[in-house]
C-alpha atoms as a PDB file:
ATOM      1  CA  MET A   1     -28.917   3.902   4.568  1.00  0.00           C
ATOM      2  CA  ILE A   2     -26.670   7.291   4.418  1.00  0.00           C
ATOM      3  CA  TYR A   3     -24.340   7.894   7.583  1.00  0.00           C
ATOM      4  CA  HIS A   4     -24.149  11.503   8.422  1.00  0.00           C
ATOM      5  CA  ASN A   5     -21.045  12.105  10.535  1.00  0.00           C
ATOM      6  CA  THR A   6     -22.033  14.112  13.701  1.00  0.00           C
ATOM      7  CA  PHE A   7     -19.436  12.687  15.914  1.00  0.00           C
ATOM      8  CA  ASN A   8     -16.157  14.481  16.571  1.00  0.00           C
ATOM      9  CA  PRO A   9     -13.678  12.166  18.335  1.00  0.00           C
ATOM     10  CA  PRO A  10     -11.812  13.568  21.161  1.00  0.00           C
ATOM     11  CA  LEU A  11      -8.350  14.939  20.371  1.00  0.00           C
ATOM     12  CA  LEU A  12      -5.491  12.950  22.014  1.00  0.00           C
ATOM     13  CA  THR A  13      -2.492  15.028  23.535  1.00  0.00           C
ATOM     14  CA  ASN A  14       1.069  13.842  23.999  1.00  0.00           C
ATOM     15  CA  SER A  15       0.627  13.742  27.725  1.00  0.00           C
ATOM     16  CA  GLN A  16      -2.547  11.791  27.419  1.00  0.00           C
ATOM     17  CA  PRO A  17      -2.213   8.080  26.714  1.00  0.00           C
ATOM     18  CA  PRO A  18      -4.809   6.434  24.428  1.00  0.00           C
ATOM     19  CA  THR A  19      -7.196   4.393  26.282  1.00  0.00           C
ATOM     20  CA  MET A  20      -9.349   1.627  25.071  1.00  0.00           C
ATOM     21  CA  SER A  21     -12.438   3.824  25.306  1.00  0.00           C
ATOM     22  CA  ASN A  22     -10.737   6.373  22.960  1.00  0.00           C
ATOM     23  CA  LEU A  23      -9.568   4.060  20.624  1.00  0.00           C
ATOM     24  CA  TYR A  24     -12.944   2.324  20.486  1.00  0.00           C
ATOM     25  CA  LEU A  25     -14.467   6.011  19.774  1.00  0.00           C
ATOM     26  CA  TYR A  26     -11.840   6.427  16.929  1.00  0.00           C
ATOM     27  CA  TRP A  27     -12.610   3.192  15.398  1.00  0.00           C
ATOM     28  CA  GLU A  28     -16.349   3.901  15.622  1.00  0.00           C
ATOM     29  CA  HIS A  29     -15.686   7.218  13.773  1.00  0.00           C
ATOM     30  CA  VAL A  30     -13.567   5.866  11.136  1.00  0.00           C
ATOM     31  CA  SER A  31     -15.724   2.661  10.223  1.00  0.00           C
ATOM     32  CA  GLY A  32     -18.757   5.247  10.306  1.00  0.00           C
ATOM     33  CA  VAL A  33     -17.132   7.540   7.761  1.00  0.00           C
ATOM     34  CA  PHE A  34     -16.067   4.558   5.574  1.00  0.00           C
ATOM     35  CA  ALA A  35     -19.714   3.217   5.757  1.00  0.00           C
ATOM     36  CA  GLY A  36     -21.151   6.475   4.802  1.00  0.00           C
ATOM     37  CA  LEU A  37     -18.564   6.707   1.859  1.00  0.00           C
ATOM     38  CA  PHE A  38     -19.302   3.548   0.523  1.00  0.00           C
ATOM     39  CA  SER A  39     -23.221   3.652   0.766  1.00  0.00           C
ATOM     40  CA  TYR A  40     -23.066   6.140  -1.984  1.00  0.00           C
ATOM     41  CA  THR A  41     -24.205   4.720  -5.290  1.00  0.00           C
ATOM     42  CA  THR A  42     -21.674   7.264  -7.337  1.00  0.00           C
ATOM     43  CA  THR A  43     -18.926   5.812  -5.150  1.00  0.00           C
ATOM     44  CA  LYS A  44     -19.651   2.302  -6.010  1.00  0.00           C
ATOM     45  CA  ALA A  45     -20.027   2.995  -9.524  1.00  0.00           C
ATOM     46  CA  MET A  46     -16.695   4.987  -9.700  1.00  0.00           C
ATOM     47  CA  LEU A  47     -15.067   2.160  -7.950  1.00  0.00           C
ATOM     48  CA  SER A  48     -16.639  -0.506 -10.438  1.00  0.00           C
ATOM     49  CA  VAL A  49     -15.561   1.563 -13.232  1.00  0.00           C
ATOM     50  CA  GLY A  50     -12.082   1.980 -12.086  1.00  0.00           C
ATOM     51  CA  LEU A  51     -11.835  -1.728 -11.388  1.00  0.00           C
ATOM     52  CA  LEU A  52     -13.065  -2.449 -14.855  1.00  0.00           C
ATOM     53  CA  ILE A  53     -10.552  -0.204 -16.275  1.00  0.00           C
ATOM     54  CA  PHE A  54      -7.504  -1.837 -14.027  1.00  0.00           C
ATOM     55  CA  SER A  55      -8.785  -5.410 -15.136  1.00  0.00           C
ATOM     56  CA  PHE A  56      -8.408  -4.316 -18.833  1.00  0.00           C
ATOM     57  CA  LEU A  57      -5.188  -2.517 -18.554  1.00  0.00           C
ATOM     58  CA  PHE A  58      -3.391  -5.429 -16.601  1.00  0.00           C
ATOM     59  CA  SER A  59      -3.564  -9.122 -16.802  1.00  0.00           C
ATOM     60  CA  ALA A  60      -5.245 -10.896 -14.118  1.00  0.00           C
ATOM     61  CA  SER A  61      -2.508 -13.540 -13.985  1.00  0.00           C
ATOM     62  CA  LYS A  62       0.076 -10.583 -13.327  1.00  0.00           C
ATOM     63  CA  TYR A  63      -1.391  -9.059 -10.392  1.00  0.00           C
ATOM     64  CA  GLU A  64       1.212 -10.599  -8.222  1.00  0.00           C
ATOM     65  CA  LEU A  65       3.929  -8.997 -10.166  1.00  0.00           C
ATOM     66  CA  LEU A  66       2.155  -5.604  -9.730  1.00  0.00           C
ATOM     67  CA  LEU A  67       1.930  -6.152  -5.957  1.00  0.00           C
ATOM     68  CA  ALA A  68       5.596  -7.366  -5.950  1.00  0.00           C
ATOM     69  CA  LEU A  69       6.661  -4.217  -7.831  1.00  0.00           C
ATOM     70  CA  PHE A  70       4.531  -2.030  -5.366  1.00  0.00           C
ATOM     71  CA  ILE A  71       6.226  -3.478  -2.390  1.00  0.00           C
ATOM     72  CA  LEU A  72       9.742  -2.989  -4.019  1.00  0.00           C
ATOM     73  CA  ILE A  73       8.875   0.657  -4.417  1.00  0.00           C
ATOM     74  CA  ILE A  74       8.015   0.864  -0.666  1.00  0.00           C
ATOM     75  CA  PHE A  75      11.256  -0.794   0.207  1.00  0.00           C
ATOM     76  CA  ASP A  76      13.144   1.585  -2.033  1.00  0.00           C
ATOM     77  CA  THR A  77      11.657   4.457  -0.485  1.00  0.00           C
ATOM     78  CA  ILE A  78      12.330   3.119   2.976  1.00  0.00           C
ATOM     79  CA  SER A  79      15.865   2.265   2.213  1.00  0.00           C
ATOM     80  CA  ALA A  80      16.400   5.683   0.440  1.00  0.00           C
ATOM     81  CA  LEU A  81      15.080   7.474   3.780  1.00  0.00           C
ATOM     82  CA  TYR A  82      17.181   5.364   5.922  1.00  0.00           C
ATOM     83  CA  ALA A  83      20.324   6.148   3.749  1.00  0.00           C
ATOM     84  CA  ALA A  84      19.497   9.817   3.823  1.00  0.00           C
ATOM     85  CA  TYR A  85      19.089   9.682   7.514  1.00  0.00           C
ATOM     86  CA  THR A  86      22.523   7.833   8.222  1.00  0.00           C
ATOM     87  CA  THR A  87      24.451  10.149   5.618  1.00  0.00           C
ATOM     88  CA  GLY A  88      22.805  13.285   7.115  1.00  0.00           C
ATOM     89  CA  GLU A  89      21.207  14.169   3.965  1.00  0.00           C
ATOM     90  CA  LYS A  90      18.067  16.450   3.961  1.00  0.00           C
ATOM     91  CA  ILE A  91      14.941  14.522   3.407  1.00  0.00           C
ATOM     92  CA  GLU A  92      12.680  16.547   0.866  1.00  0.00           C
ATOM     93  CA  SER A  93       9.127  15.875  -0.034  1.00  0.00           C
ATOM     94  CA  ARG A  94       9.851  16.448  -3.786  1.00  0.00           C
ATOM     95  CA  LYS A  95      12.017  13.043  -3.514  1.00  0.00           C
ATOM     96  CA  LEU A  96       9.095  11.389  -1.781  1.00  0.00           C
ATOM     97  CA  VAL A  97       6.630  12.430  -4.555  1.00  0.00           C
ATOM     98  CA  ARG A  98       9.083  10.867  -6.954  1.00  0.00           C
ATOM     99  CA  SER A  99       7.923   7.237  -5.533  1.00  0.00           C
ATOM    100  CA  ALA A 100       4.467   8.098  -6.239  1.00  0.00           C
ATOM    101  CA  PHE A 101       5.577   8.915  -9.799  1.00  0.00           C
ATOM    102  CA  LYS A 102       7.425   5.704 -10.251  1.00  0.00           C
ATOM    103  CA  VAL A 103       4.252   3.698  -9.381  1.00  0.00           C
ATOM    104  CA  THR A 104       2.353   5.635 -12.106  1.00  0.00           C
ATOM    105  CA  VAL A 105       5.227   5.322 -14.671  1.00  0.00           C
ATOM    106  CA  TYR A 106       5.889   1.530 -13.971  1.00  0.00           C
ATOM    107  CA  GLY A 107       2.066   1.064 -14.092  1.00  0.00           C
ATOM    108  CA  ILE A 108       1.947   2.723 -17.484  1.00  0.00           C
ATOM    109  CA  ILE A 109       4.827   0.587 -18.786  1.00  0.00           C
ATOM    110  CA  ILE A 110       3.539  -2.645 -17.575  1.00  0.00           C
ATOM    111  CA  SER A 111       0.112  -1.870 -18.973  1.00  0.00           C
ATOM    112  CA  ALA A 112       1.595  -0.760 -22.166  1.00  0.00           C
ATOM    113  CA  GLY A 113       3.371  -4.442 -22.367  1.00  0.00           C
ATOM    114  CA  HIS A 114      -0.123  -6.077 -21.474  1.00  0.00           C
ATOM    115  CA  LEU A 115      -1.761  -4.317 -24.096  1.00  0.00           C
ATOM    116  CA  THR A 116       0.919  -5.247 -26.658  1.00  0.00           C
ATOM    117  CA  ASP A 117       0.543  -8.812 -25.595  1.00  0.00           C
ATOM    118  CA  MET A 118      -3.157  -8.496 -26.272  1.00  0.00           C
ATOM    119  CA  PHE A 119      -2.738  -6.979 -29.565  1.00  0.00           C
ATOM    120  CA  ILE A 120       0.209  -9.494 -30.863  1.00  0.00           C
ATOM    121  CA  GLY A 121      -1.504 -12.454 -29.172  1.00  0.00           C
ATOM    122  CA  VAL A 122       1.329 -13.772 -27.315  1.00  0.00           C
ATOM    123  CA  GLU A 123      -0.693 -16.526 -25.557  1.00  0.00           C
ATOM    124  CA  ASN A 124       1.662 -19.402 -26.636  1.00  0.00           C
ATOM    125  CA  TRP A 125       4.908 -17.395 -26.056  1.00  0.00           C
ATOM    126  CA  ALA A 126       7.186 -18.385 -23.185  1.00  0.00           C
ATOM    127  CA  VAL A 127       7.448 -14.731 -21.718  1.00  0.00           C
ATOM    128  CA  SER A 128       5.101 -11.918 -22.368  1.00  0.00           C
ATOM    129  CA  PHE A 129       6.127  -8.100 -22.846  1.00  0.00           C
ATOM    130  CA  GLU A 130       4.191  -7.483 -19.593  1.00  0.00           C
ATOM    131  CA  ALA A 131       6.518  -9.702 -17.616  1.00  0.00           C
ATOM    132  CA  ILE A 132       9.524  -8.258 -19.298  1.00  0.00           C
ATOM    133  CA  SER A 133       8.447  -4.679 -18.527  1.00  0.00           C
ATOM    134  CA  GLY A 134       7.703  -5.830 -14.942  1.00  0.00           C
ATOM    135  CA  ALA A 135      11.108  -7.468 -14.517  1.00  0.00           C
ATOM    136  CA  TYR A 136      13.026  -4.803 -15.836  1.00  0.00           C
ATOM    137  CA  ALA A 137      11.103  -2.254 -13.503  1.00  0.00           C
ATOM    138  CA  ALA A 138      11.600  -4.876 -10.352  1.00  0.00           C
ATOM    139  CA  ALA A 139      15.244  -5.176 -11.425  1.00  0.00           C
ATOM    140  CA  THR A 140      15.743  -1.415 -11.287  1.00  0.00           C
ATOM    141  CA  GLU A 141      14.169  -1.063  -7.885  1.00  0.00           C
ATOM    142  CA  PHE A 142      16.216  -3.877  -6.438  1.00  0.00           C
ATOM    143  CA  LEU A 143      19.334  -2.120  -7.878  1.00  0.00           C
ATOM    144  CA  SER A 144      18.402   1.081  -5.992  1.00  0.00           C
ATOM    145  CA  ILE A 145      17.796  -0.492  -2.826  1.00  0.00           C
ATOM    146  CA  LEU A 146      21.101  -2.160  -3.095  1.00  0.00           C
ATOM    147  CA  GLU A 147      22.693   1.215  -3.717  1.00  0.00           C
ATOM    148  CA  ASN A 148      20.691   2.794  -0.947  1.00  0.00           C
ATOM    149  CA  PHE A 149      21.981   0.264   1.616  1.00  0.00           C
ATOM    150  CA  ALA A 150      25.497   0.712   0.305  1.00  0.00           C
ATOM    151  CA  ARG A 151      25.179   4.584   0.855  1.00  0.00           C
ATOM    152  CA  ALA A 152      23.906   3.714   4.431  1.00  0.00           C
ATOM    153  CA  GLY A 153      27.232   1.852   5.110  1.00  0.00           C
ATOM    154  CA  PHE A 154      26.026  -1.746   4.815  1.00  0.00           C
ATOM    155  CA  SER A 155      27.971  -4.112   2.643  1.00  0.00           C
ATOM    156  CA  THR A 156      26.427  -5.250  -0.628  1.00  0.00           C
ATOM    157  CA  PRO A 157      27.533  -7.821  -2.995  1.00  0.00           C
ATOM    158  CA  ALA A 158      29.507  -6.030  -5.757  1.00  0.00           C
ATOM    159  CA  VAL A 159      29.026  -8.868  -8.195  1.00  0.00           C
ATOM    160  CA  LEU A 160      25.175  -8.593  -8.005  1.00  0.00           C
ATOM    161  CA  THR A 161      25.293  -4.717  -8.238  1.00  0.00           C
ATOM    162  CA  ASN A 162      27.719  -4.766 -11.158  1.00  0.00           C
ATOM    163  CA  ARG A 163      25.505  -7.496 -12.798  1.00  0.00           C
ATOM    164  CA  LEU A 164      22.441  -5.506 -12.501  1.00  0.00           C
ATOM    165  CA  LYS A 165      24.035  -2.203 -13.853  1.00  0.00           C
ATOM    166  CA  LYS A 166      25.170  -4.097 -16.907  1.00  0.00           C
ATOM    167  CA  TYR A 167      21.674  -5.670 -17.236  1.00  0.00           C
ATOM    168  CA  LEU A 168      19.912  -2.476 -17.033  1.00  0.00           C
ATOM    169  CA  ASN A 169      22.439  -0.456 -19.157  1.00  0.00           C
ATOM    170  CA  PRO A 170      23.683  -3.053 -21.618  1.00  0.00           C
ATOM    171  CA  GLY A 171      25.052  -0.251 -23.992  1.00  0.00           C
ATOM    172  CA  ASN A 172      27.223   1.402 -21.344  1.00  0.00           C
ATOM    173  CA  PRO A 173      30.421  -0.441 -21.000  1.00  0.00           C
ATOM    174  CA  GLY A 174      31.622   1.937 -18.047  1.00  0.00           C
ATOM    175  CA  GLU A 175      29.068   0.588 -15.706  1.00  0.00           C
END
């Protein structure tokens, strides 16, 4: 069944509070659009190929690592926005685009670690390159979150911040 979207939901204004009837109409509209989108064979095939590639590039046992890193990036973005708001800095869209770029870069790094694990055959090792890559990315995000909250005026543990800086930049004694 192909869904043709012929319904245009009513626009809400700021003076008009949403009613259950309007919310129901919006829900019907959104669910209809998604039902139509996923009824197409091409869309299903593209999603299948995308999931196949994703499952090859990342270890099935490390999906939690990817999810945790994605959540840390979201927390970092929120804390950076909060720090900018409290310090009066201008919030720029190019800085927000950087978060999307970080997801891509970290994904490539973790995927490269997984592919290296597959190539070398590290099944019997205690720690994999994929886990090490993810741990480094997570530590970087955690340090950024701590620095953002420090900029916003919250007290953050200096011992933890200094250790993370030393861990992330071992060749830089000034950190």
